[in-house]
Amino acid sequence: MALGLPDPYRCAAPVAYWVVGLRLFIRHATEIRPGALPGGAWAPTLCGTGILIPFDTPPGREPRTKPITDICPQCTEVAVAGCYHLIKYDY
């Protein structure tokens, strides 16, 4: 099943995903493609902090992170400076 994510080999710009880590209420940008790490694994972010990858939301339910719109200002600075293609993603 395709996730509708950009092909990392065909996208000219680097790609980062806005993700809300476990126990957080702010989105951080990570270059780790959704599904590449299991839920509960540590992932690096553009600002240098690590986040725990959330577990997938069961089918038929809405992710609890969907309404969260606050984003990390440090990740934003790095993403703008690096001309990243940014995608909001909810597990």
PDB file of N, CA and C in Angstrom:
ATOM      1  N   MET A   1       0.841  -1.177   0.000  1.00  0.00           N
ATOM      2  CA  MET A   1       0.000   0.000   0.000  1.00  0.00           C
ATOM      3  C   MET A   1       0.889   1.244   0.000  1.00  0.00           C
ATOM      4  N   ALA A   2       0.674   2.114  -0.936  1.00  0.00           N
ATOM      5  CA  ALA A   2       1.472   3.333  -1.044  1.00  0.00           C
ATOM      6  C   ALA A   2       1.028   4.349  -0.001  1.00  0.00           C
ATOM      7  N   LEU A   3       1.983   5.022   0.610  1.00  0.00           N
ATOM      8  CA  LEU A   3       1.682   6.020   1.626  1.00  0.00           C
ATOM      9  C   LEU A   3       1.456   7.404   1.023  1.00  0.00           C
ATOM     10  N   GLY A   4       1.715   7.575  -0.265  1.00  0.00           N
ATOM     11  CA  GLY A   4       1.588   8.885  -0.873  1.00  0.00           C
ATOM     12  C   GLY A   4       2.739   9.793  -0.499  1.00  0.00           C
ATOM     13  N   LEU A   5       3.874   9.212  -0.153  1.00  0.00           N
ATOM     14  CA  LEU A   5       5.042   9.983   0.238  1.00  0.00           C
ATOM     15  C   LEU A   5       5.934  10.169  -0.982  1.00  0.00           C
ATOM     16  N   PRO A   6       6.729  11.238  -1.023  1.00  0.00           N
ATOM     17  CA  PRO A   6       7.613  11.445  -2.165  1.00  0.00           C
ATOM     18  C   PRO A   6       8.687  10.359  -2.233  1.00  0.00           C
ATOM     19  N   ASP A   7       9.056  10.001  -3.438  1.00  0.00           N
ATOM     20  CA  ASP A   7      10.116   9.022  -3.648  1.00  0.00           C
ATOM     21  C   ASP A   7      11.445   9.689  -3.269  1.00  0.00           C
ATOM     22  N   PRO A   8      12.151   9.178  -2.266  1.00  0.00           N
ATOM     23  CA  PRO A   8      13.390   9.839  -1.828  1.00  0.00           C
ATOM     24  C   PRO A   8      14.476   9.839  -2.900  1.00  0.00           C
ATOM     25  N   TYR A   9      14.343   8.990  -3.918  1.00  0.00           N
ATOM     26  CA  TYR A   9      15.343   8.925  -4.980  1.00  0.00           C
ATOM     27  C   TYR A   9      14.999   9.844  -6.151  1.00  0.00           C
ATOM     28  N   ARG A  10      13.772  10.347  -6.200  1.00  0.00           N
ATOM     29  CA  ARG A  10      13.355  11.211  -7.296  1.00  0.00           C
ATOM     30  C   ARG A  10      13.088  12.645  -6.870  1.00  0.00           C
ATOM     31  N   CYS A  11      13.039  12.894  -5.582  1.00  0.00           N
ATOM     32  CA  CYS A  11      12.782  14.235  -5.068  1.00  0.00           C
ATOM     33  C   CYS A  11      14.112  14.993  -5.030  1.00  0.00           C
ATOM     34  N   ALA A  12      14.154  16.144  -5.695  1.00  0.00           N
ATOM     35  CA  ALA A  12      15.405  16.913  -5.769  1.00  0.00           C
ATOM     36  C   ALA A  12      15.805  17.502  -4.416  1.00  0.00           C
ATOM     37  N   ALA A  13      14.821  17.908  -3.625  1.00  0.00           N
ATOM     38  CA  ALA A  13      15.094  18.513  -2.314  1.00  0.00           C
ATOM     39  C   ALA A  13      15.104  17.422  -1.239  1.00  0.00           C
ATOM     40  N   PRO A  14      15.847  17.642  -0.150  1.00  0.00           N
ATOM     41  CA  PRO A  14      15.762  16.691   0.965  1.00  0.00           C
ATOM     42  C   PRO A  14      14.356  16.723   1.557  1.00  0.00           C
ATOM     43  N   VAL A  15      13.915  15.598   2.084  1.00  0.00           N
ATOM     44  CA  VAL A  15      12.557  15.471   2.617  1.00  0.00           C
ATOM     45  C   VAL A  15      12.617  15.271   4.126  1.00  0.00           C
ATOM     46  N   ALA A  16      11.735  15.966   4.849  1.00  0.00           N
ATOM     47  CA  ALA A  16      11.603  15.782   6.297  1.00  0.00           C
ATOM     48  C   ALA A  16      10.120  15.700   6.641  1.00  0.00           C
ATOM     49  N   TYR A  17       9.810  14.993   7.688  1.00  0.00           N
ATOM     50  CA  TYR A  17       8.428  14.746   8.102  1.00  0.00           C
ATOM     51  C   TYR A  17       8.185  15.369   9.467  1.00  0.00           C
ATOM     52  N   TRP A  18       7.099  16.141   9.576  1.00  0.00           N
ATOM     53  CA  TRP A  18       6.692  16.713  10.867  1.00  0.00           C
ATOM     54  C   TRP A  18       5.960  15.621  11.634  1.00  0.00           C
ATOM     55  N   VAL A  19       6.550  15.167  12.726  1.00  0.00           N
ATOM     56  CA  VAL A  19       6.004  14.061  13.514  1.00  0.00           C
ATOM     57  C   VAL A  19       5.921  14.484  14.977  1.00  0.00           C
ATOM     58  N   VAL A  20       4.872  14.044  15.656  1.00  0.00           N
ATOM     59  CA  VAL A  20       4.760  14.250  17.102  1.00  0.00           C
ATOM     60  C   VAL A  20       5.235  12.969  17.773  1.00  0.00           C
ATOM     61  N   GLY A  21       6.332  13.050  18.505  1.00  0.00           N
ATOM     62  CA  GLY A  21       6.860  11.881  19.192  1.00  0.00           C
ATOM     63  C   GLY A  21       5.997  11.482  20.383  1.00  0.00           C
ATOM     64  N   LEU A  22       6.235  10.281  20.882  1.00  0.00           N
ATOM     65  CA  LEU A  22       5.501   9.805  22.060  1.00  0.00           C
ATOM     66  C   LEU A  22       5.702  10.759  23.227  1.00  0.00           C
ATOM     67  N   ARG A  23       4.634  11.035  23.945  1.00  0.00           N
ATOM     68  CA  ARG A  23       4.631  11.887  25.135  1.00  0.00           C
ATOM     69  C   ARG A  23       4.988  13.346  24.829  1.00  0.00           C
ATOM     70  N   LEU A  24       4.883  13.769  23.562  1.00  0.00           N
ATOM     71  CA  LEU A  24       5.166  15.152  23.197  1.00  0.00           C
ATOM     72  C   LEU A  24       3.905  15.826  22.666  1.00  0.00           C
ATOM     73  N   PHE A  25       3.914  17.147  22.661  1.00  0.00           N
ATOM     74  CA  PHE A  25       2.776  17.912  22.159  1.00  0.00           C
ATOM     75  C   PHE A  25       3.238  18.980  21.183  1.00  0.00           C
ATOM     76  N   ILE A  26       4.342  18.700  20.494  1.00  0.00           N
ATOM     77  CA  ILE A  26       4.899  19.595  19.485  1.00  0.00           C
ATOM     78  C   ILE A  26       5.464  18.717  18.367  1.00  0.00           C
ATOM     79  N   ARG A  27       5.382  19.199  17.143  1.00  0.00           N
ATOM     80  CA  ARG A  27       5.912  18.452  16.000  1.00  0.00           C
ATOM     81  C   ARG A  27       7.395  18.766  15.812  1.00  0.00           C
ATOM     82  N   HIS A  28       8.168  17.734  15.595  1.00  0.00           N
ATOM     83  CA  HIS A  28       9.585  17.864  15.242  1.00  0.00           C
ATOM     84  C   HIS A  28       9.753  17.329  13.828  1.00  0.00           C
ATOM     85  N   ALA A  29      10.730  17.844  13.107  1.00  0.00           N
ATOM     86  CA  ALA A  29      11.007  17.375  11.752  1.00  0.00           C
ATOM     87  C   ALA A  29      12.099  16.310  11.798  1.00  0.00           C
ATOM     88  N   THR A  30      11.856  15.202  11.108  1.00  0.00           N
ATOM     89  CA  THR A  30      12.836  14.122  11.028  1.00  0.00           C
ATOM     90  C   THR A  30      12.968  13.667   9.585  1.00  0.00           C
ATOM     91  N   GLU A  31      14.170  13.242   9.223  1.00  0.00           N
ATOM     92  CA  GLU A  31      14.393  12.716   7.883  1.00  0.00           C
ATOM     93  C   GLU A  31      14.032  11.241   7.786  1.00  0.00           C
ATOM     94  N   ILE A  32      13.735  10.618   8.918  1.00  0.00           N
ATOM     95  CA  ILE A  32      13.386   9.197   8.931  1.00  0.00           C
ATOM     96  C   ILE A  32      12.008   9.024   8.290  1.00  0.00           C
ATOM     97  N   ARG A  33      11.962   8.232   7.246  1.00  0.00           N
ATOM     98  CA  ARG A  33      10.718   8.000   6.511  1.00  0.00           C
ATOM     99  C   ARG A  33       9.731   7.210   7.375  1.00  0.00           C
ATOM    100  N   PRO A  34       8.450   7.636   7.399  1.00  0.00           N
ATOM    101  CA  PRO A  34       7.452   6.896   8.182  1.00  0.00           C
ATOM    102  C   PRO A  34       7.423   5.412   7.796  1.00  0.00           C
ATOM    103  N   GLY A  35       7.445   4.567   8.812  1.00  0.00           N
ATOM    104  CA  GLY A  35       7.448   3.131   8.595  1.00  0.00           C
ATOM    105  C   GLY A  35       8.846   2.525   8.581  1.00  0.00           C
ATOM    106  N   ALA A  36       9.880   3.364   8.546  1.00  0.00           N
ATOM    107  CA  ALA A  36      11.248   2.850   8.500  1.00  0.00           C
ATOM    108  C   ALA A  36      11.703   2.317   9.859  1.00  0.00           C
ATOM    109  N   LEU A  37      11.134   2.843  10.930  1.00  0.00           N
ATOM    110  CA  LEU A  37      11.471   2.400  12.285  1.00  0.00           C
ATOM    111  C   LEU A  37      10.203   1.919  12.979  1.00  0.00           C
ATOM    112  N   PRO A  38      10.327   0.942  13.864  1.00  0.00           N
ATOM    113  CA  PRO A  38       9.144   0.487  14.606  1.00  0.00           C
ATOM    114  C   PRO A  38       8.733   1.498  15.673  1.00  0.00           C
ATOM    115  N   GLY A  39       7.482   1.436  16.077  1.00  0.00           N
ATOM    116  CA  GLY A  39       7.000   2.290  17.159  1.00  0.00           C
ATOM    117  C   GLY A  39       7.820   2.072  18.408  1.00  0.00           C
ATOM    118  N   GLY A  40       8.165   3.173  19.085  1.00  0.00           N
ATOM    119  CA  GLY A  40       8.958   3.099  20.306  1.00  0.00           C
ATOM    120  C   GLY A  40      10.451   3.273  20.075  1.00  0.00           C
ATOM    121  N   ALA A  41      10.879   3.286  18.804  1.00  0.00           N
ATOM    122  CA  ALA A  41      12.305   3.471  18.493  1.00  0.00           C
ATOM    123  C   ALA A  41      12.664   4.956  18.541  1.00  0.00           C
ATOM    124  N   TRP A  42      13.932   5.247  18.832  1.00  0.00           N
ATOM    125  CA  TRP A  42      14.424   6.624  18.844  1.00  0.00           C
ATOM    126  C   TRP A  42      14.731   7.059  17.421  1.00  0.00           C
ATOM    127  N   ALA A  43      14.392   8.309  17.104  1.00  0.00           N
ATOM    128  CA  ALA A  43      14.713   8.872  15.788  1.00  0.00           C
ATOM    129  C   ALA A  43      15.320  10.255  15.982  1.00  0.00           C
ATOM    130  N   PRO A  44      16.350  10.590  15.214  1.00  0.00           N
ATOM    131  CA  PRO A  44      16.928  11.928  15.304  1.00  0.00           C
ATOM    132  C   PRO A  44      16.028  12.952  14.628  1.00  0.00           C
ATOM    133  N   THR A  45      16.107  14.190  15.087  1.00  0.00           N
ATOM    134  CA  THR A  45      15.335  15.269  14.468  1.00  0.00           C
ATOM    135  C   THR A  45      16.297  16.314  13.908  1.00  0.00           C
ATOM    136  N   LEU A  46      15.772  17.225  13.110  1.00  0.00           N
ATOM    137  CA  LEU A  46      16.618  18.246  12.505  1.00  0.00           C
ATOM    138  C   LEU A  46      17.241  19.170  13.547  1.00  0.00           C
ATOM    139  N   CYS A  47      16.563  19.350  14.692  1.00  0.00           N
ATOM    140  CA  CYS A  47      17.097  20.240  15.728  1.00  0.00           C
ATOM    141  C   CYS A  47      18.118  19.547  16.626  1.00  0.00           C
ATOM    142  N   GLY A  48      18.304  18.243  16.435  1.00  0.00           N
ATOM    143  CA  GLY A  48      19.309  17.532  17.205  1.00  0.00           C
ATOM    144  C   GLY A  48      18.777  16.759  18.398  1.00  0.00           C
ATOM    145  N   THR A  49      17.517  16.932  18.735  1.00  0.00           N
ATOM    146  CA  THR A  49      16.950  16.134  19.824  1.00  0.00           C
ATOM    147  C   THR A  49      16.421  14.830  19.253  1.00  0.00           C
ATOM    148  N   GLY A  50      16.208  13.879  20.081  1.00  0.00           N
ATOM    149  CA  GLY A  50      15.643  12.612  19.635  1.00  0.00           C
ATOM    150  C   GLY A  50      14.188  12.512  20.050  1.00  0.00           C
ATOM    151  N   ILE A  51      13.405  11.813  19.259  1.00  0.00           N
ATOM    152  CA  ILE A  51      12.009  11.554  19.613  1.00  0.00           C
ATOM    153  C   ILE A  51      11.753  10.053  19.557  1.00  0.00           C
ATOM    154  N   LEU A  52      10.771   9.617  20.302  1.00  0.00           N
ATOM    155  CA  LEU A  52      10.319   8.235  20.216  1.00  0.00           C
ATOM    156  C   LEU A  52       9.254   8.166  19.121  1.00  0.00           C
ATOM    157  N   ILE A  53       9.440   7.253  18.174  1.00  0.00           N
ATOM    158  CA  ILE A  53       8.471   7.087  17.091  1.00  0.00           C
ATOM    159  C   ILE A  53       7.166   6.568  17.696  1.00  0.00           C
ATOM    160  N   PRO A  54       6.023   7.199  17.333  1.00  0.00           N
ATOM    161  CA  PRO A  54       4.744   6.723  17.859  1.00  0.00           C
ATOM    162  C   PRO A  54       4.342   5.380  17.236  1.00  0.00           C
ATOM    163  N   PHE A  55       3.448   4.708  17.897  1.00  0.00           N
ATOM    164  CA  PHE A  55       2.900   3.466  17.368  1.00  0.00           C
ATOM    165  C   PHE A  55       1.774   3.807  16.396  1.00  0.00           C
ATOM    166  N   ASP A  56       1.543   2.936  15.418  1.00  0.00           N
ATOM    167  CA  ASP A  56       0.482   3.172  14.435  1.00  0.00           C
ATOM    168  C   ASP A  56      -0.883   3.218  15.102  1.00  0.00           C
ATOM    169  N   THR A  57      -1.741   4.097  14.592  1.00  0.00           N
ATOM    170  CA  THR A  57      -3.121   4.184  15.067  1.00  0.00           C
ATOM    171  C   THR A  57      -3.919   3.044  14.438  1.00  0.00           C
ATOM    172  N   PRO A  58      -4.722   2.323  15.213  1.00  0.00           N
ATOM    173  CA  PRO A  58      -5.513   1.233  14.640  1.00  0.00           C
ATOM    174  C   PRO A  58      -6.474   1.749  13.553  1.00  0.00           C
ATOM    175  N   PRO A  59      -6.776   0.929  12.565  1.00  0.00           N
ATOM    176  CA  PRO A  59      -7.705   1.330  11.509  1.00  0.00           C
ATOM    177  C   PRO A  59      -9.060   1.751  12.085  1.00  0.00           C
ATOM    178  N   GLY A  60      -9.632   2.772  11.480  1.00  0.00           N
ATOM    179  CA  GLY A  60     -10.931   3.257  11.938  1.00  0.00           C
ATOM    180  C   GLY A  60     -10.860   4.320  13.016  1.00  0.00           C
ATOM    181  N   ARG A  61      -9.682   4.595  13.540  1.00  0.00           N
ATOM    182  CA  ARG A  61      -9.512   5.617  14.568  1.00  0.00           C
ATOM    183  C   ARG A  61      -8.665   6.746  14.029  1.00  0.00           C
ATOM    184  N   GLU A  62      -8.848   7.931  14.563  1.00  0.00           N
ATOM    185  CA  GLU A  62      -8.069   9.089  14.141  1.00  0.00           C
ATOM    186  C   GLU A  62      -6.857   9.247  15.052  1.00  0.00           C
ATOM    187  N   PRO A  63      -5.680   9.535  14.474  1.00  0.00           N
ATOM    188  CA  PRO A  63      -4.495   9.707  15.317  1.00  0.00           C
ATOM    189  C   PRO A  63      -4.682  10.849  16.315  1.00  0.00           C
ATOM    190  N   ARG A  64      -4.222  10.663  17.536  1.00  0.00           N
ATOM    191  CA  ARG A  64      -4.371  11.697  18.566  1.00  0.00           C
ATOM    192  C   ARG A  64      -3.541  12.932  18.232  1.00  0.00           C
ATOM    193  N   THR A  65      -2.555  12.776  17.362  1.00  0.00           N
ATOM    194  CA  THR A  65      -1.668  13.886  17.023  1.00  0.00           C
ATOM    195  C   THR A  65      -2.198  14.767  15.893  1.00  0.00           C
ATOM    196  N   LYS A  66      -3.271  14.364  15.260  1.00  0.00           N
ATOM    197  CA  LYS A  66      -3.773  15.105  14.099  1.00  0.00           C
ATOM    198  C   LYS A  66      -4.049  16.585  14.382  1.00  0.00           C
ATOM    199  N   PRO A  67      -4.653  16.948  15.527  1.00  0.00           N
ATOM    200  CA  PRO A  67      -4.914  18.375  15.771  1.00  0.00           C
ATOM    201  C   PRO A  67      -3.696  19.185  16.221  1.00  0.00           C
ATOM    202  N   ILE A  68      -2.571  18.543  16.480  1.00  0.00           N
ATOM    203  CA  ILE A  68      -1.384  19.267  16.960  1.00  0.00           C
ATOM    204  C   ILE A  68      -0.729  20.004  15.797  1.00  0.00           C
ATOM    205  N   THR A  69      -0.634  21.322  15.923  1.00  0.00           N
ATOM    206  CA  THR A  69      -0.068  22.147  14.851  1.00  0.00           C
ATOM    207  C   THR A  69       1.203  22.878  15.278  1.00  0.00           C
ATOM    208  N   ASP A  70       1.528  22.884  16.567  1.00  0.00           N
ATOM    209  CA  ASP A  70       2.748  23.553  17.040  1.00  0.00           C
ATOM    210  C   ASP A  70       3.969  22.817  16.503  1.00  0.00           C
ATOM    211  N   ILE A  71       4.931  23.580  15.974  1.00  0.00           N
ATOM    212  CA  ILE A  71       6.137  22.971  15.423  1.00  0.00           C
ATOM    213  C   ILE A  71       7.373  23.535  16.112  1.00  0.00           C
ATOM    214  N   CYS A  72       8.411  22.730  16.139  1.00  0.00           N
ATOM    215  CA  CYS A  72       9.675  23.110  16.778  1.00  0.00           C
ATOM    216  C   CYS A  72      10.342  24.238  15.987  1.00  0.00           C
ATOM    217  N   PRO A  73      10.624  25.377  16.630  1.00  0.00           N
ATOM    218  CA  PRO A  73      11.254  26.484  15.908  1.00  0.00           C
ATOM    219  C   PRO A  73      12.674  26.161  15.441  1.00  0.00           C
ATOM    220  N   GLN A  74      13.415  25.353  16.192  1.00  0.00           N
ATOM    221  CA  GLN A  74      14.771  24.996  15.785  1.00  0.00           C
ATOM    222  C   GLN A  74      14.746  24.084  14.552  1.00  0.00           C
ATOM    223  N   CYS A  75      13.807  23.147  14.506  1.00  0.00           N
ATOM    224  CA  CYS A  75      13.661  22.289  13.320  1.00  0.00           C
ATOM    225  C   CYS A  75      13.278  23.137  12.110  1.00  0.00           C
ATOM    226  N   THR A  76      12.424  24.130  12.333  1.00  0.00           N
ATOM    227  CA  THR A  76      11.999  25.015  11.246  1.00  0.00           C
ATOM    228  C   THR A  76      13.188  25.761  10.660  1.00  0.00           C
ATOM    229  N   GLU A  77      14.054  26.280  11.523  1.00  0.00           N
ATOM    230  CA  GLU A  77      15.246  27.011  11.055  1.00  0.00           C
ATOM    231  C   GLU A  77      16.131  26.125  10.179  1.00  0.00           C
ATOM    232  N   VAL A  78      16.390  24.908  10.641  1.00  0.00           N
ATOM    233  CA  VAL A  78      17.239  23.984   9.887  1.00  0.00           C
ATOM    234  C   VAL A  78      16.573  23.613   8.564  1.00  0.00           C
ATOM    235  N   ALA A  79      15.255  23.371   8.601  1.00  0.00           N
ATOM    236  CA  ALA A  79      14.534  22.984   7.392  1.00  0.00           C
ATOM    237  C   ALA A  79      14.534  24.093   6.345  1.00  0.00           C
ATOM    238  N   VAL A  80      14.340  25.327   6.777  1.00  0.00           N
ATOM    239  CA  VAL A  80      14.340  26.462   5.849  1.00  0.00           C
ATOM    240  C   VAL A  80      15.741  26.660   5.262  1.00  0.00           C
ATOM    241  N   ALA A  81      16.756  26.597   6.118  1.00  0.00           N
ATOM    242  CA  ALA A  81      18.135  26.778   5.648  1.00  0.00           C
ATOM    243  C   ALA A  81      18.545  25.676   4.672  1.00  0.00           C
ATOM    244  N   GLY A  82      18.036  24.458   4.877  1.00  0.00           N
ATOM    245  CA  GLY A  82      18.392  23.332   4.018  1.00  0.00           C
ATOM    246  C   GLY A  82      17.440  23.109   2.864  1.00  0.00           C
ATOM    247  N   CYS A  83      16.438  23.994   2.709  1.00  0.00           N
ATOM    248  CA  CYS A  83      15.444  23.885   1.617  1.00  0.00           C
ATOM    249  C   CYS A  83      14.755  22.517   1.599  1.00  0.00           C
ATOM    250  N   TYR A  84      14.346  22.046   2.768  1.00  0.00           N
ATOM    251  CA  TYR A  84      13.672  20.755   2.881  1.00  0.00           C
ATOM    252  C   TYR A  84      12.251  20.809   2.341  1.00  0.00           C
ATOM    253  N   HIS A  85      11.816  19.694   1.768  1.00  0.00           N
ATOM    254  CA  HIS A  85      10.415  19.486   1.408  1.00  0.00           C
ATOM    255  C   HIS A  85       9.770  18.901   2.669  1.00  0.00           C
ATOM    256  N   LEU A  86       8.825  19.623   3.280  1.00  0.00           N
ATOM    257  CA  LEU A  86       8.273  19.225   4.584  1.00  0.00           C
ATOM    258  C   LEU A  86       6.880  18.634   4.431  1.00  0.00           C
ATOM    259  N   ILE A  87       6.643  17.527   5.129  1.00  0.00           N
ATOM    260  CA  ILE A  87       5.370  16.816   5.077  1.00  0.00           C
ATOM    261  C   ILE A  87       4.895  16.537   6.491  1.00  0.00           C
ATOM    262  N   LYS A  88       3.649  16.892   6.784  1.00  0.00           N
ATOM    263  CA  LYS A  88       3.053  16.559   8.088  1.00  0.00           C
ATOM    264  C   LYS A  88       2.611  15.104   8.032  1.00  0.00           C
ATOM    265  N   TYR A  89       2.993  14.319   9.047  1.00  0.00           N
ATOM    266  CA  TYR A  89       2.631  12.914   9.065  1.00  0.00           C
ATOM    267  C   TYR A  89       2.157  12.515  10.453  1.00  0.00           C
ATOM    268  N   ASP A  90       1.037  11.824  10.493  1.00  0.00           N
ATOM    269  CA  ASP A  90       0.472  11.304  11.748  1.00  0.00           C
ATOM    270  C   ASP A  90       0.427   9.784  11.666  1.00  0.00           C
ATOM    271  N   TYR A  91       0.933   9.139  12.696  1.00  0.00           N
ATOM    272  CA  TYR A  91       0.917   7.682  12.744  1.00  0.00           C
ATOM    273  C   TYR A  91      -0.453   7.244  13.115  1.00  0.00           C
TER     274      TYR A  91
END
